[in-house]
């Protein structure tokens, strides 16, 4: 990259080259001459639907049924059992990994 030299400002390097005199270089380029003849008029107007446009409803759904009550003590017991199973599998996996690491380390050392 070259640096500007002489009596110019640092921004002169990034300006577009002028096509005419110095006053034309300071002006922004003119808009293209192919501007649309009419501006955007927006979306077409909409008409509201007529009254009673929905189809008639003949069937009414039944009201929702009541759910059976929940046994919180039974839910807590089931959650504790599943937690014990999860911890058991984790302990077995940890023991297997420790044994494998010990076997690999003993192969390296001996």
Protein backbone atom coordinates (compact mmCIF):
# COMPACT_ATOMS: atom_id res chain seq x y z
CA UNK A 1 0.00 0.00 0.00
CA UNK A 2 1.28 3.43 -0.81
CA UNK A 3 0.96 6.38 1.51
CA UNK A 4 -0.17 9.82 0.41
CA UNK A 5 2.57 12.36 0.02
CA UNK A 6 2.65 16.08 -0.47
CA UNK A 7 0.19 18.61 0.88
CA UNK A 8 -2.88 16.33 0.76
CA UNK A 9 -4.95 15.16 3.71
CA UNK A 10 -5.01 11.47 4.71
CA UNK A 11 -8.59 11.14 3.42
CA UNK A 12 -7.66 12.17 -0.11
CA UNK A 13 -6.14 8.74 -0.71
CA UNK A 14 -9.54 7.07 -0.29
CA UNK A 15 -11.59 9.50 -2.42
CA UNK A 16 -12.71 8.59 -5.90
CA UNK A 17 -10.85 10.26 -8.72
CA UNK A 18 -12.68 13.32 -9.97
CA UNK A 19 -13.96 13.56 -13.50
CA UNK A 20 -13.75 17.34 -13.69
CA UNK A 21 -12.54 20.18 -11.49
CA UNK A 22 -11.77 20.12 -7.80
CA UNK A 23 -15.31 21.14 -6.81
CA UNK A 24 -16.72 18.01 -8.49
CA UNK A 25 -14.52 15.75 -6.33
CA UNK A 26 -16.15 17.02 -3.12
CA UNK A 27 -19.71 16.39 -4.35
CA UNK A 28 -21.34 12.96 -4.08
CA UNK A 29 -22.10 11.23 -7.37
CA UNK A 30 -25.42 12.10 -8.96
CA UNK A 31 -28.32 9.66 -8.77
CA UNK A 32 -28.92 7.59 -11.90
CA UNK A 33 -31.35 9.07 -14.41
CA UNK A 34 -33.54 5.95 -14.55
CA UNK A 35 -35.65 6.78 -11.47
CA UNK A 36 -39.12 5.17 -11.44
CA UNK A 37 -41.87 7.37 -12.87
CA UNK A 38 -44.25 6.82 -9.92
CA UNK A 39 -43.36 5.91 -6.36
CA UNK A 40 -44.64 2.73 -4.73
CA UNK A 41 -48.33 3.16 -4.03
CA UNK A 42 -48.46 0.48 -1.33
CA UNK A 43 -50.48 -2.72 -1.16
CA UNK A 44 -53.94 -2.85 -2.70
CA UNK A 45 -56.79 -1.98 -0.36
CA UNK A 46 -58.47 -4.89 1.34
CA UNK A 47 -62.15 -5.31 1.96
CA UNK A 48 -63.39 -6.78 5.24
CA UNK A 49 -65.15 -10.14 5.03
CA UNK A 50 -68.95 -10.09 5.13
CA UNK A 51 -70.74 -10.68 8.42
CA UNK A 52 -71.41 -14.33 9.13
CA UNK A 53 -68.68 -15.60 6.85
CA UNK A 54 -67.74 -18.44 9.19
CA UNK A 55 -69.42 -21.81 8.68
CA UNK A 56 -71.97 -22.81 11.31
CA UNK A 57 -70.78 -25.01 14.19
CA UNK A 58 -72.98 -28.04 14.82
CA UNK A 59 -70.87 -30.12 17.21
CA UNK A 60 -69.67 -28.87 20.56
CA UNK A 61 -66.70 -30.71 22.05
CA UNK A 62 -67.16 -32.38 25.38
CA UNK A 63 -65.68 -30.59 28.39
CA UNK A 64 -62.28 -31.89 29.47
CA UNK A 65 -62.21 -34.74 31.95
CA UNK A 66 -60.62 -34.49 35.37
CA UNK A 67 -57.22 -36.12 35.73
CA UNK A 68 -56.80 -38.72 38.43
CA UNK A 69 -55.14 -37.45 41.61
CA UNK A 70 -51.38 -37.96 41.89
CA UNK A 71 -49.85 -39.98 44.70
CA UNK A 72 -46.88 -37.81 45.64
CA UNK A 73 -45.37 -40.36 48.05
CA UNK A 74 -45.43 -43.04 45.34
CA UNK A 75 -43.87 -40.62 42.83
CA UNK A 76 -41.07 -39.77 45.29
CA UNK A 77 -40.37 -43.46 45.92
CA UNK A 78 -40.16 -44.18 42.17
CA UNK A 79 -37.82 -41.24 41.67
CA UNK A 80 -35.53 -42.46 44.47
CA UNK A 81 -35.41 -45.96 42.94
CA UNK A 82 -34.49 -44.58 39.54
CA UNK A 83 -31.82 -42.38 41.14
CA UNK A 84 -30.28 -45.41 42.84
CA UNK A 85 -30.18 -47.29 39.53
CA UNK A 86 -28.51 -44.33 37.84
CA UNK A 87 -25.90 -44.02 40.59
CA UNK A 88 -25.30 -47.79 40.44
CA UNK A 89 -24.57 -47.71 36.70
CA UNK A 90 -22.30 -44.70 37.19
CA UNK A 91 -20.36 -46.48 39.95
CA UNK A 92 -19.90 -49.61 37.82
CA UNK A 93 -18.71 -47.50 34.88
CA UNK A 94 -16.27 -45.63 37.15
CA UNK A 95 -14.83 -48.90 38.53
CA UNK A 96 -14.37 -50.28 35.01
CA UNK A 97 -12.59 -47.10 33.90
CA UNK A 98 -10.29 -47.12 36.94
CA UNK A 99 -9.38 -50.76 36.29
CA UNK A 100 -8.64 -50.01 32.64
CA UNK A 101 -6.46 -47.03 33.51
CA UNK A 102 -4.57 -49.14 36.05
CA UNK A 103 -3.99 -51.87 33.46
CA UNK A 104 -2.78 -49.39 30.86
CA UNK A 105 -0.47 -47.67 33.34
CA UNK A 106 0.98 -51.02 34.49
CA UNK A 107 1.76 -51.92 30.86
CA UNK A 108 3.61 -48.62 30.43
CA UNK A 109 5.55 -48.87 33.70
CA UNK A 110 6.50 -52.58 33.44
